[in-house]
Amino acid sequence: MPRQKLNPADYLKPRDPATLVSRRGRRASTFYPDLVKAFVDAGEAAMDVDVAKIGRKPETVRSALAKAIRSAGVRETVRVSKLGDDIILIKR
């Protein structure tokens, strides 16, 4: 039995651009930058991040915090560390 070739045009249908919502896509979350700011404002030398409460994988939280630290311009004073599944914010 020969396989029929799929026609990609069968999977498309016309749409009026006027019916599209004006806001599409996602906005960048302010959660991780706010978390870094809260750490800096707390004045502690080191603090654990509650990864389970955030609901993400530890490596995801670590990388998001590293990006937030870079974008906030506090790389000289704050760093993030991953020890096992623990994520820790540390003042330098």
Protein backbone atom coordinates (compact mmCIF):
# COMPACT_ATOMS: atom_id res chain seq x y z
CA MET A 1 0.00 0.00 0.00
CA PRO A 2 1.69 3.26 -1.11
CA ARG A 3 1.92 6.11 1.40
CA GLN A 4 0.04 9.21 0.43
CA LYS A 5 2.02 12.40 0.53
CA LEU A 6 0.57 14.98 2.94
CA ASN A 7 -0.41 18.31 1.52
CA PRO A 8 0.69 21.11 3.90
CA ALA A 9 -1.97 23.44 2.47
CA ASP A 10 -4.64 21.17 3.98
CA TYR A 11 -3.46 22.28 7.44
CA LEU A 12 -3.82 26.02 6.81
CA LYS A 13 -6.91 28.16 6.79
CA PRO A 14 -7.34 31.88 6.09
CA ARG A 15 -7.74 34.34 8.95
CA ASP A 16 -8.60 38.03 9.00
CA PRO A 17 -5.76 39.98 10.68
CA ALA A 18 -8.36 42.32 12.22
CA THR A 19 -9.57 39.43 14.42
CA LEU A 20 -6.16 38.92 16.07
CA VAL A 21 -5.74 40.03 19.66
CA SER A 22 -3.53 43.07 20.06
CA ARG A 23 -1.24 41.46 22.65
CA ARG A 24 0.52 38.29 21.63
CA GLY A 25 3.46 36.50 23.19
CA ARG A 26 4.82 36.57 26.70
CA ARG A 27 6.33 39.25 28.83
CA ALA A 28 9.52 38.71 30.74
CA SER A 29 8.86 37.74 34.32
CA THR A 30 10.02 40.10 37.06
CA PHE A 31 10.02 37.30 39.66
CA TYR A 32 13.74 36.47 39.57
CA PRO A 33 14.97 40.10 39.44
CA ASP A 34 12.64 40.83 42.37
CA LEU A 35 14.08 37.81 44.20
CA VAL A 36 17.63 39.14 43.71
CA LYS A 37 16.55 42.60 44.88
CA ALA A 38 14.90 41.11 47.99
CA PHE A 39 18.14 39.25 48.77
CA VAL A 40 20.23 42.41 48.43
CA ASP A 41 17.75 44.36 50.57
CA ALA A 42 17.75 41.65 53.27
CA GLY A 43 21.39 42.34 54.08
CA GLU A 44 22.20 38.68 54.76
CA ALA A 45 25.53 37.12 53.73
CA ALA A 46 23.81 34.05 52.21
CA MET A 47 20.25 32.79 51.79
CA ASP A 48 18.68 29.56 50.53
CA VAL A 49 16.16 29.79 47.70
CA ASP A 50 13.04 27.63 48.21
CA VAL A 51 13.12 25.81 44.86
CA ALA A 52 10.24 23.49 45.77
CA LYS A 53 7.98 26.47 46.47
CA ILE A 54 8.94 28.06 43.14
CA GLY A 55 7.99 24.82 41.36
CA ARG A 56 10.88 24.71 38.90
CA LYS A 57 13.93 22.50 38.51
CA PRO A 58 16.95 23.64 40.53
CA GLU A 59 19.06 24.23 37.41
CA THR A 60 16.30 26.35 35.87
CA VAL A 61 16.14 28.51 39.00
CA ARG A 62 19.93 28.81 39.11
CA SER A 63 20.19 29.94 35.49
CA ALA A 64 17.28 32.38 35.84
CA LEU A 65 18.88 33.90 38.95
CA ALA A 66 22.26 34.15 37.19
CA LYS A 67 20.60 36.05 34.34
CA ALA A 68 18.74 38.30 36.79
CA ILE A 69 22.03 39.06 38.59
CA ARG A 70 23.68 40.01 35.28
CA SER A 71 20.79 42.19 34.15
CA ALA A 72 20.51 43.91 37.55
CA GLY A 73 24.18 44.85 37.41
CA VAL A 74 25.06 43.28 40.77
CA ARG A 75 27.56 40.68 39.49
CA GLU A 76 30.30 42.23 41.60
CA THR A 77 28.34 41.84 44.85
CA VAL A 78 26.01 38.82 44.42
CA ARG A 79 26.46 35.31 43.05
CA VAL A 80 24.29 32.21 42.83
CA SER A 81 25.51 28.75 43.74
CA LYS A 82 24.02 25.28 43.24
CA LEU A 83 24.97 22.61 45.76
CA GLY A 84 23.13 19.41 44.92
CA ASP A 85 19.51 20.55 44.64
CA ASP A 86 20.05 23.58 46.90
CA ILE A 87 20.24 27.02 45.32
CA ILE A 88 21.98 29.65 47.41
CA LEU A 89 22.38 33.38 46.87
CA ILE A 90 25.68 34.62 48.29
CA LYS A 91 27.13 38.10 48.77
CA ARG A 92 30.72 38.40 47.58
